[in-house]
Amino acid sequence: MAAGVKQIDFKVMGREFRVACPENEERELKEAVAYVDRRMVEIRDKSKVIGIERIAIMTALAIANDYLHAKVPGEYDVADFRRRIVSMQASIEAAMAEQEKLF
């Protein structure tokens, strides 16, 4: 095990898991575990989805959808910022490629 990394045991929907985690990120990991567990239980209880794998996939899709449509305070659309950044990166890379052709 690398220095500063420890094994963390946790449960999601009653199932035990163990992951390696940098010591300085343990609190964030525990918050993420609690969030995922809560969302999986919500999906299981509110839908007719059966089976841990299907519940996990539905939860992952729900969380991804939330993430892609997240807005920060002040109504900034994070997904729009992400699209703009990707577009700017592509423009920069294209401009750099053109510059390299000159030399």
N, C-alpha and C. Protein backbone atom coordinates (compact mmCIF):
# COMPACT_ATOMS: atom_id res chain seq x y z
N MET A 1 0.85 -1.18 0.00
CA MET A 1 0.00 0.00 0.00
C MET A 1 0.90 1.24 0.00
N ALA A 2 0.60 2.19 -0.84
CA ALA A 2 1.40 3.42 -0.95
C ALA A 2 1.27 4.25 0.32
N ALA A 3 2.30 5.03 0.58
CA ALA A 3 2.28 5.91 1.75
C ALA A 3 1.14 6.92 1.60
N GLY A 4 0.46 7.16 2.70
CA GLY A 4 -0.64 8.11 2.68
C GLY A 4 -1.93 7.55 2.13
N VAL A 5 -1.95 6.24 1.84
CA VAL A 5 -3.14 5.59 1.31
C VAL A 5 -3.56 4.51 2.31
N LYS A 6 -4.84 4.44 2.56
CA LYS A 6 -5.33 3.42 3.49
C LYS A 6 -6.53 2.72 2.92
N GLN A 7 -6.83 1.56 3.46
CA GLN A 7 -8.00 0.79 3.04
C GLN A 7 -9.21 1.30 3.84
N ILE A 8 -10.29 1.55 3.13
CA ILE A 8 -11.53 2.02 3.76
C ILE A 8 -12.61 0.97 3.49
N ASP A 9 -13.26 0.51 4.56
CA ASP A 9 -14.40 -0.39 4.44
C ASP A 9 -15.67 0.43 4.52
N PHE A 10 -16.65 0.07 3.68
CA PHE A 10 -17.93 0.78 3.72
C PHE A 10 -19.01 -0.15 3.22
N LYS A 11 -20.25 0.27 3.45
CA LYS A 11 -21.41 -0.49 2.99
C LYS A 11 -22.28 0.37 2.09
N VAL A 12 -22.79 -0.26 1.05
CA VAL A 12 -23.79 0.36 0.18
C VAL A 12 -24.91 -0.65 0.05
N MET A 13 -26.10 -0.25 0.42
CA MET A 13 -27.27 -1.12 0.42
C MET A 13 -27.00 -2.44 1.14
N GLY A 14 -26.28 -2.35 2.24
CA GLY A 14 -26.02 -3.52 3.06
C GLY A 14 -24.88 -4.40 2.59
N ARG A 15 -24.28 -4.08 1.47
CA ARG A 15 -23.15 -4.87 0.95
C ARG A 15 -21.84 -4.19 1.31
N GLU A 16 -20.89 -5.00 1.74
CA GLU A 16 -19.61 -4.46 2.17
C GLU A 16 -18.63 -4.36 1.01
N PHE A 17 -17.87 -3.27 1.02
CA PHE A 17 -16.85 -3.02 0.01
C PHE A 17 -15.60 -2.48 0.70
N ARG A 18 -14.47 -2.60 0.02
CA ARG A 18 -13.21 -2.04 0.52
C ARG A 18 -12.51 -1.38 -0.66
N VAL A 19 -12.05 -0.15 -0.44
CA VAL A 19 -11.30 0.56 -1.47
C VAL A 19 -10.08 1.22 -0.86
N ALA A 20 -9.08 1.46 -1.69
CA ALA A 20 -7.92 2.24 -1.28
C ALA A 20 -8.28 3.71 -1.43
N CYS A 21 -7.84 4.50 -0.46
CA CYS A 21 -8.20 5.91 -0.46
C CYS A 21 -7.05 6.72 0.13
N PRO A 22 -6.65 7.81 -0.54
CA PRO A 22 -5.66 8.69 0.08
C PRO A 22 -6.20 9.18 1.43
N GLU A 23 -5.33 9.21 2.43
CA GLU A 23 -5.79 9.59 3.77
C GLU A 23 -6.45 10.96 3.80
N ASN A 24 -5.98 11.88 2.97
CA ASN A 24 -6.55 13.23 2.99
C ASN A 24 -7.88 13.32 2.24
N GLU A 25 -8.37 12.21 1.68
CA GLU A 25 -9.65 12.21 0.96
C GLU A 25 -10.70 11.31 1.61
N GLU A 26 -10.41 10.83 2.80
CA GLU A 26 -11.32 9.89 3.47
C GLU A 26 -12.69 10.52 3.73
N ARG A 27 -12.72 11.75 4.20
CA ARG A 27 -14.00 12.41 4.49
C ARG A 27 -14.85 12.53 3.23
N GLU A 28 -14.23 12.92 2.11
CA GLU A 28 -14.97 13.06 0.86
C GLU A 28 -15.49 11.71 0.38
N LEU A 29 -14.67 10.66 0.53
CA LEU A 29 -15.11 9.33 0.14
C LEU A 29 -16.32 8.90 0.95
N LYS A 30 -16.28 9.14 2.26
CA LYS A 30 -17.41 8.76 3.11
C LYS A 30 -18.67 9.53 2.74
N GLU A 31 -18.51 10.79 2.38
CA GLU A 31 -19.66 11.59 1.93
C GLU A 31 -20.23 11.02 0.63
N ALA A 32 -19.34 10.63 -0.29
CA ALA A 32 -19.77 10.06 -1.56
C ALA A 32 -20.49 8.73 -1.33
N VAL A 33 -19.96 7.91 -0.44
CA VAL A 33 -20.59 6.63 -0.12
C VAL A 33 -21.99 6.85 0.42
N ALA A 34 -22.12 7.79 1.36
CA ALA A 34 -23.44 8.07 1.95
C ALA A 34 -24.41 8.55 0.88
N TYR A 35 -23.93 9.39 -0.02
CA TYR A 35 -24.78 9.92 -1.09
C TYR A 35 -25.23 8.81 -2.03
N VAL A 36 -24.29 7.98 -2.48
CA VAL A 36 -24.63 6.88 -3.39
C VAL A 36 -25.59 5.90 -2.72
N ASP A 37 -25.31 5.56 -1.47
CA ASP A 37 -26.19 4.64 -0.74
C ASP A 37 -27.60 5.21 -0.65
N ARG A 38 -27.71 6.49 -0.31
CA ARG A 38 -29.02 7.14 -0.19
C ARG A 38 -29.76 7.14 -1.53
N ARG A 39 -29.05 7.45 -2.62
CA ARG A 39 -29.69 7.47 -3.94
C ARG A 39 -30.11 6.08 -4.38
N MET A 40 -29.28 5.06 -4.09
CA MET A 40 -29.64 3.70 -4.47
C MET A 40 -30.87 3.22 -3.72
N VAL A 41 -30.96 3.53 -2.45
CA VAL A 41 -32.13 3.16 -1.66
C VAL A 41 -33.36 3.88 -2.19
N GLU A 42 -33.22 5.17 -2.54
CA GLU A 42 -34.35 5.92 -3.11
C GLU A 42 -34.85 5.26 -4.40
N ILE A 43 -33.92 4.93 -5.28
CA ILE A 43 -34.31 4.32 -6.56
C ILE A 43 -34.95 2.96 -6.34
N ARG A 44 -34.40 2.17 -5.44
CA ARG A 44 -34.98 0.85 -5.14
C ARG A 44 -36.40 1.02 -4.59
N ASP A 45 -36.57 1.97 -3.67
CA ASP A 45 -37.87 2.14 -3.02
C ASP A 45 -38.92 2.80 -3.90
N LYS A 46 -38.52 3.66 -4.84
CA LYS A 46 -39.47 4.41 -5.65
C LYS A 46 -39.75 3.78 -7.02
N SER A 47 -39.03 2.74 -7.37
CA SER A 47 -39.23 2.16 -8.69
C SER A 47 -39.43 0.66 -8.59
N LYS A 48 -39.60 0.07 -9.72
CA LYS A 48 -39.78 -1.37 -9.76
C LYS A 48 -38.48 -2.06 -10.19
N VAL A 49 -37.36 -1.33 -10.10
CA VAL A 49 -36.06 -1.88 -10.48
C VAL A 49 -35.67 -2.94 -9.45
N ILE A 50 -35.29 -4.10 -9.94
CA ILE A 50 -34.92 -5.21 -9.07
C ILE A 50 -33.49 -5.62 -9.40
N GLY A 51 -32.73 -5.93 -8.38
CA GLY A 51 -31.35 -6.39 -8.55
C GLY A 51 -30.37 -5.27 -8.32
N ILE A 52 -29.34 -5.58 -7.55
CA ILE A 52 -28.35 -4.58 -7.17
C ILE A 52 -27.66 -3.97 -8.38
N GLU A 53 -27.36 -4.78 -9.40
CA GLU A 53 -26.68 -4.24 -10.57
C GLU A 53 -27.55 -3.24 -11.31
N ARG A 54 -28.81 -3.57 -11.47
CA ARG A 54 -29.72 -2.65 -12.17
C ARG A 54 -29.94 -1.38 -11.36
N ILE A 55 -30.06 -1.52 -10.05
CA ILE A 55 -30.21 -0.35 -9.20
C ILE A 55 -28.96 0.52 -9.29
N ALA A 56 -27.78 -0.11 -9.31
CA ALA A 56 -26.53 0.64 -9.41
C ALA A 56 -26.45 1.40 -10.73
N ILE A 57 -26.85 0.75 -11.82
CA ILE A 57 -26.81 1.41 -13.13
C ILE A 57 -27.81 2.57 -13.18
N MET A 58 -29.01 2.35 -12.69
CA MET A 58 -30.01 3.42 -12.67
C MET A 58 -29.53 4.59 -11.80
N THR A 59 -28.88 4.27 -10.69
CA THR A 59 -28.36 5.31 -9.81
C THR A 59 -27.23 6.07 -10.51
N ALA A 60 -26.34 5.35 -11.17
CA ALA A 60 -25.25 6.01 -11.89
C ALA A 60 -25.80 6.94 -12.97
N LEU A 61 -26.82 6.50 -13.68
CA LEU A 61 -27.44 7.35 -14.70
C LEU A 61 -28.09 8.58 -14.08
N ALA A 62 -28.77 8.40 -12.96
CA ALA A 62 -29.42 9.53 -12.29
C ALA A 62 -28.38 10.54 -11.81
N ILE A 63 -27.29 10.05 -11.21
CA ILE A 63 -26.24 10.94 -10.72
C ILE A 63 -25.56 11.66 -11.88
N ALA A 64 -25.28 10.93 -12.97
CA ALA A 64 -24.66 11.55 -14.15
C ALA A 64 -25.57 12.62 -14.72
N ASN A 65 -26.86 12.34 -14.78
CA ASN A 65 -27.82 13.34 -15.28
C ASN A 65 -27.81 14.57 -14.38
N ASP A 66 -27.82 14.37 -13.07
CA ASP A 66 -27.76 15.50 -12.14
C ASP A 66 -26.50 16.31 -12.37
N TYR A 67 -25.37 15.62 -12.52
CA TYR A 67 -24.09 16.28 -12.71
C TYR A 67 -24.07 17.09 -14.00
N LEU A 68 -24.56 16.51 -15.07
CA LEU A 68 -24.55 17.19 -16.36
C LEU A 68 -25.49 18.38 -16.42
N HIS A 69 -26.49 18.39 -15.55
CA HIS A 69 -27.45 19.49 -15.54
C HIS A 69 -27.32 20.37 -14.30
N ALA A 70 -26.22 20.22 -13.61
CA ALA A 70 -26.01 20.99 -12.38
C ALA A 70 -25.85 22.47 -12.68
N LYS A 71 -26.38 23.24 -11.79
CA LYS A 71 -26.20 24.69 -11.87
C LYS A 71 -25.62 25.14 -10.54
N VAL A 72 -24.65 26.00 -10.63
CA VAL A 72 -24.05 26.53 -9.41
C VAL A 72 -24.86 27.75 -8.99
N PRO A 73 -24.71 28.17 -7.73
CA PRO A 73 -25.45 29.36 -7.28
C PRO A 73 -25.26 30.52 -8.26
N GLY A 74 -26.34 31.24 -8.51
CA GLY A 74 -26.29 32.32 -9.48
C GLY A 74 -26.73 31.85 -10.85
N GLU A 75 -27.21 30.59 -10.92
CA GLU A 75 -27.77 30.01 -12.15
C GLU A 75 -26.75 29.84 -13.27
N TYR A 76 -25.51 29.54 -12.94
CA TYR A 76 -24.52 29.21 -13.95
C TYR A 76 -24.68 27.74 -14.32
N ASP A 77 -24.74 27.46 -15.58
CA ASP A 77 -24.92 26.11 -16.07
C ASP A 77 -23.55 25.44 -16.23
N VAL A 78 -23.24 24.51 -15.35
CA VAL A 78 -21.94 23.85 -15.36
C VAL A 78 -21.73 23.09 -16.66
N ALA A 79 -22.75 22.42 -17.15
CA ALA A 79 -22.63 21.67 -18.40
C ALA A 79 -22.29 22.60 -19.57
N ASP A 80 -22.89 23.79 -19.58
CA ASP A 80 -22.60 24.76 -20.63
C ASP A 80 -21.15 25.21 -20.54
N PHE A 81 -20.66 25.48 -19.33
CA PHE A 81 -19.26 25.84 -19.16
C PHE A 81 -18.36 24.73 -19.67
N ARG A 82 -18.71 23.49 -19.35
CA ARG A 82 -17.91 22.35 -19.78
C ARG A 82 -17.86 22.29 -21.31
N ARG A 83 -19.01 22.48 -21.96
CA ARG A 83 -19.05 22.46 -23.42
C ARG A 83 -18.19 23.58 -24.01
N ARG A 84 -18.26 24.76 -23.40
CA ARG A 84 -17.46 25.89 -23.88
C ARG A 84 -15.97 25.62 -23.72
N ILE A 85 -15.59 25.05 -22.61
CA ILE A 85 -14.18 24.74 -22.37
C ILE A 85 -13.68 23.73 -23.39
N VAL A 86 -14.46 22.70 -23.65
CA VAL A 86 -14.08 21.69 -24.64
C VAL A 86 -13.94 22.34 -26.02
N SER A 87 -14.86 23.23 -26.35
CA SER A 87 -14.80 23.92 -27.63
C SER A 87 -13.55 24.80 -27.71
N MET A 88 -13.25 25.52 -26.62
CA MET A 88 -12.04 26.36 -26.61
C MET A 88 -10.78 25.51 -26.73
N GLN A 89 -10.77 24.37 -26.05
CA GLN A 89 -9.61 23.49 -26.14
C GLN A 89 -9.41 23.01 -27.58
N ALA A 90 -10.49 22.66 -28.23
CA ALA A 90 -10.40 22.21 -29.62
C ALA A 90 -9.89 23.33 -30.52
N SER A 91 -10.36 24.55 -30.29
CA SER A 91 -9.89 25.69 -31.09
C SER A 91 -8.41 25.95 -30.86
N ILE A 92 -7.99 25.87 -29.61
CA ILE A 92 -6.57 26.09 -29.28
C ILE A 92 -5.71 25.01 -29.92
N GLU A 93 -6.15 23.76 -29.82
CA GLU A 93 -5.38 22.66 -30.41
C GLU A 93 -5.29 22.82 -31.93
N ALA A 94 -6.37 23.24 -32.56
CA ALA A 94 -6.35 23.44 -34.01
C ALA A 94 -5.40 24.57 -34.37
N ALA A 95 -5.44 25.66 -33.62
CA ALA A 95 -4.54 26.79 -33.87
C ALA A 95 -3.08 26.38 -33.67
N MET A 96 -2.82 25.60 -32.63
CA MET A 96 -1.45 25.14 -32.37
C MET A 96 -0.97 24.23 -33.49
N ALA A 97 -1.85 23.37 -33.99
CA ALA A 97 -1.48 22.48 -35.08
C ALA A 97 -1.12 23.29 -36.32
N GLU A 98 -1.87 24.35 -36.59
CA GLU A 98 -1.57 25.23 -37.73
C GLU A 98 -0.23 25.91 -37.54
N GLN A 99 0.08 26.35 -36.33
CA GLN A 99 1.35 26.99 -36.03
C GLN A 99 2.51 26.02 -36.24
N GLU A 100 2.32 24.77 -35.84
CA GLU A 100 3.38 23.78 -35.99
C GLU A 100 3.69 23.53 -37.46
N LYS A 101 2.69 23.65 -38.32
CA LYS A 101 2.91 23.45 -39.74
C LYS A 101 3.80 24.55 -40.31
N LEU A 102 3.75 25.74 -39.72
CA LEU A 102 4.53 26.85 -40.20
C LEU A 102 6.02 26.67 -39.93
N PHE A 103 6.36 25.89 -38.92
CA PHE A 103 7.76 25.72 -38.55
C PHE A 103 8.19 24.38 -38.91
